[in-house]
Amino acid sequence: MASLFSKLAHLARTPQGRRAVRQAKQFANDPRRRKQAMDAVNKLRGKRKPPYGH
């Protein structure tokens, strides 16, 4: 059975995989998207942002 890494490597070589990688890079470079991702991660971890944005 193929390992997870080899499956991901195979996916990255497909047109769909290349499109997903390109889109992920664009999202990572967008400050608004980065903040949304960090907020989601912090919510899952149970961390809360301070009140009144401090």
N, C-alpha and C. Protein backbone atom coordinates (compact mmCIF):
# COMPACT_ATOMS: atom_id res chain seq x y z
N MET A 1 0.85 -1.18 0.00
CA MET A 1 0.00 0.00 0.00
C MET A 1 0.89 1.24 0.00
N ALA A 2 0.53 2.20 -0.82
CA ALA A 2 1.34 3.40 -0.95
C ALA A 2 1.22 4.26 0.31
N SER A 3 2.33 4.89 0.65
CA SER A 3 2.32 5.75 1.83
C SER A 3 1.57 7.05 1.49
N LEU A 4 1.20 7.76 2.51
CA LEU A 4 0.49 9.02 2.33
C LEU A 4 1.34 9.99 1.52
N PHE A 5 2.64 10.05 1.82
CA PHE A 5 3.51 10.97 1.11
C PHE A 5 3.58 10.63 -0.38
N SER A 6 3.67 9.36 -0.72
CA SER A 6 3.74 9.00 -2.14
C SER A 6 2.43 9.31 -2.85
N LYS A 7 1.30 9.16 -2.14
CA LYS A 7 0.01 9.52 -2.72
C LYS A 7 -0.06 11.03 -2.97
N LEU A 8 0.43 11.81 -2.02
CA LEU A 8 0.43 13.26 -2.19
C LEU A 8 1.37 13.68 -3.32
N ALA A 9 2.50 13.03 -3.42
CA ALA A 9 3.45 13.34 -4.49
C ALA A 9 2.83 13.02 -5.85
N HIS A 10 2.12 11.91 -5.93
CA HIS A 10 1.45 11.54 -7.18
C HIS A 10 0.38 12.57 -7.51
N LEU A 11 -0.42 12.98 -6.52
CA LEU A 11 -1.46 13.99 -6.74
C LEU A 11 -0.86 15.30 -7.22
N ALA A 12 0.28 15.70 -6.66
CA ALA A 12 0.91 16.97 -7.02
C ALA A 12 1.36 16.98 -8.48
N ARG A 13 1.53 15.82 -9.08
CA ARG A 13 1.97 15.76 -10.47
C ARG A 13 0.79 15.79 -11.45
N THR A 14 -0.43 15.66 -10.97
CA THR A 14 -1.60 15.69 -11.84
C THR A 14 -2.03 17.13 -12.09
N PRO A 15 -2.78 17.38 -13.15
CA PRO A 15 -3.27 18.75 -13.39
C PRO A 15 -4.10 19.29 -12.22
N GLN A 16 -4.94 18.45 -11.63
CA GLN A 16 -5.73 18.89 -10.48
C GLN A 16 -4.83 19.23 -9.30
N GLY A 17 -3.81 18.43 -9.08
CA GLY A 17 -2.89 18.67 -7.98
C GLY A 17 -2.10 19.95 -8.17
N ARG A 18 -1.64 20.18 -9.40
CA ARG A 18 -0.90 21.42 -9.68
C ARG A 18 -1.80 22.64 -9.47
N ARG A 19 -3.07 22.52 -9.87
CA ARG A 19 -4.02 23.61 -9.67
C ARG A 19 -4.23 23.85 -8.18
N ALA A 20 -4.36 22.80 -7.39
CA ALA A 20 -4.56 22.93 -5.95
C ALA A 20 -3.35 23.56 -5.28
N VAL A 21 -2.16 23.17 -5.71
CA VAL A 21 -0.93 23.75 -5.14
C VAL A 21 -0.85 25.24 -5.48
N ARG A 22 -1.15 25.58 -6.73
CA ARG A 22 -1.11 26.99 -7.15
C ARG A 22 -2.12 27.82 -6.35
N GLN A 23 -3.32 27.28 -6.15
CA GLN A 23 -4.35 27.99 -5.39
C GLN A 23 -3.94 28.12 -3.92
N ALA A 24 -3.35 27.10 -3.34
CA ALA A 24 -2.90 27.16 -1.95
C ALA A 24 -1.82 28.23 -1.77
N LYS A 25 -0.92 28.33 -2.75
CA LYS A 25 0.12 29.36 -2.67
C LYS A 25 -0.49 30.75 -2.75
N GLN A 26 -1.50 30.93 -3.61
CA GLN A 26 -2.16 32.23 -3.71
C GLN A 26 -2.85 32.58 -2.40
N PHE A 27 -3.54 31.62 -1.80
CA PHE A 27 -4.21 31.86 -0.53
C PHE A 27 -3.20 32.19 0.56
N ALA A 28 -2.06 31.53 0.55
CA ALA A 28 -1.05 31.76 1.59
C ALA A 28 -0.45 33.15 1.48
N ASN A 29 -0.44 33.71 0.27
CA ASN A 29 0.13 35.04 0.08
C ASN A 29 -0.87 36.16 0.33
N ASP A 30 -2.14 35.85 0.48
CA ASP A 30 -3.18 36.84 0.72
C ASP A 30 -3.32 37.06 2.23
N PRO A 31 -3.03 38.26 2.72
CA PRO A 31 -3.08 38.50 4.18
C PRO A 31 -4.46 38.21 4.79
N ARG A 32 -5.52 38.51 4.06
CA ARG A 32 -6.86 38.27 4.59
C ARG A 32 -7.12 36.77 4.73
N ARG A 33 -6.74 36.01 3.72
CA ARG A 33 -6.90 34.56 3.77
C ARG A 33 -6.03 33.94 4.86
N ARG A 34 -4.81 34.48 5.01
CA ARG A 34 -3.91 33.97 6.04
C ARG A 34 -4.53 34.17 7.42
N LYS A 35 -5.13 35.35 7.64
CA LYS A 35 -5.77 35.63 8.93
C LYS A 35 -6.95 34.69 9.14
N GLN A 36 -7.74 34.45 8.08
CA GLN A 36 -8.86 33.52 8.20
C GLN A 36 -8.37 32.13 8.59
N ALA A 37 -7.29 31.70 7.98
CA ALA A 37 -6.75 30.37 8.28
C ALA A 37 -6.25 30.31 9.72
N MET A 38 -5.54 31.33 10.15
CA MET A 38 -5.03 31.35 11.52
C MET A 38 -6.18 31.39 12.54
N ASP A 39 -7.24 32.16 12.23
CA ASP A 39 -8.39 32.20 13.12
C ASP A 39 -9.03 30.82 13.24
N ALA A 40 -9.13 30.12 12.12
CA ALA A 40 -9.72 28.77 12.13
C ALA A 40 -8.86 27.81 12.95
N VAL A 41 -7.54 27.88 12.76
CA VAL A 41 -6.64 27.01 13.52
C VAL A 41 -6.73 27.31 15.01
N ASN A 42 -6.74 28.59 15.35
CA ASN A 42 -6.83 28.97 16.76
C ASN A 42 -8.16 28.54 17.37
N LYS A 43 -9.23 28.61 16.57
CA LYS A 43 -10.52 28.18 17.07
C LYS A 43 -10.51 26.67 17.36
N LEU A 44 -9.88 25.92 16.48
CA LEU A 44 -9.79 24.47 16.68
C LEU A 44 -8.92 24.13 17.89
N ARG A 45 -7.91 24.92 18.11
CA ARG A 45 -7.01 24.67 19.25
C ARG A 45 -7.60 25.17 20.56
N GLY A 46 -8.66 25.97 20.48
CA GLY A 46 -9.29 26.47 21.69
C GLY A 46 -8.76 27.82 22.13
N LYS A 47 -7.89 28.40 21.33
CA LYS A 47 -7.38 29.73 21.68
C LYS A 47 -8.39 30.77 21.20
N ARG A 48 -8.53 31.81 21.96
CA ARG A 48 -9.45 32.87 21.59
C ARG A 48 -8.66 34.16 21.43
N LYS A 49 -9.14 35.02 20.54
CA LYS A 49 -8.46 36.29 20.40
C LYS A 49 -8.90 37.22 21.52
N PRO A 50 -8.04 38.12 21.94
CA PRO A 50 -8.37 38.99 23.06
C PRO A 50 -9.54 39.92 22.71
N PRO A 51 -10.31 40.33 23.71
CA PRO A 51 -11.43 41.22 23.45
C PRO A 51 -10.96 42.58 22.95
N TYR A 52 -11.76 43.20 22.12
CA TYR A 52 -11.49 44.53 21.58
C TYR A 52 -10.22 44.61 20.75
N GLY A 53 -9.78 43.48 20.21
CA GLY A 53 -8.65 43.47 19.30
C GLY A 53 -7.30 43.84 19.90
N HIS A 54 -7.13 43.75 21.20
CA HIS A 54 -5.84 44.06 21.83
C HIS A 54 -4.91 42.90 21.74
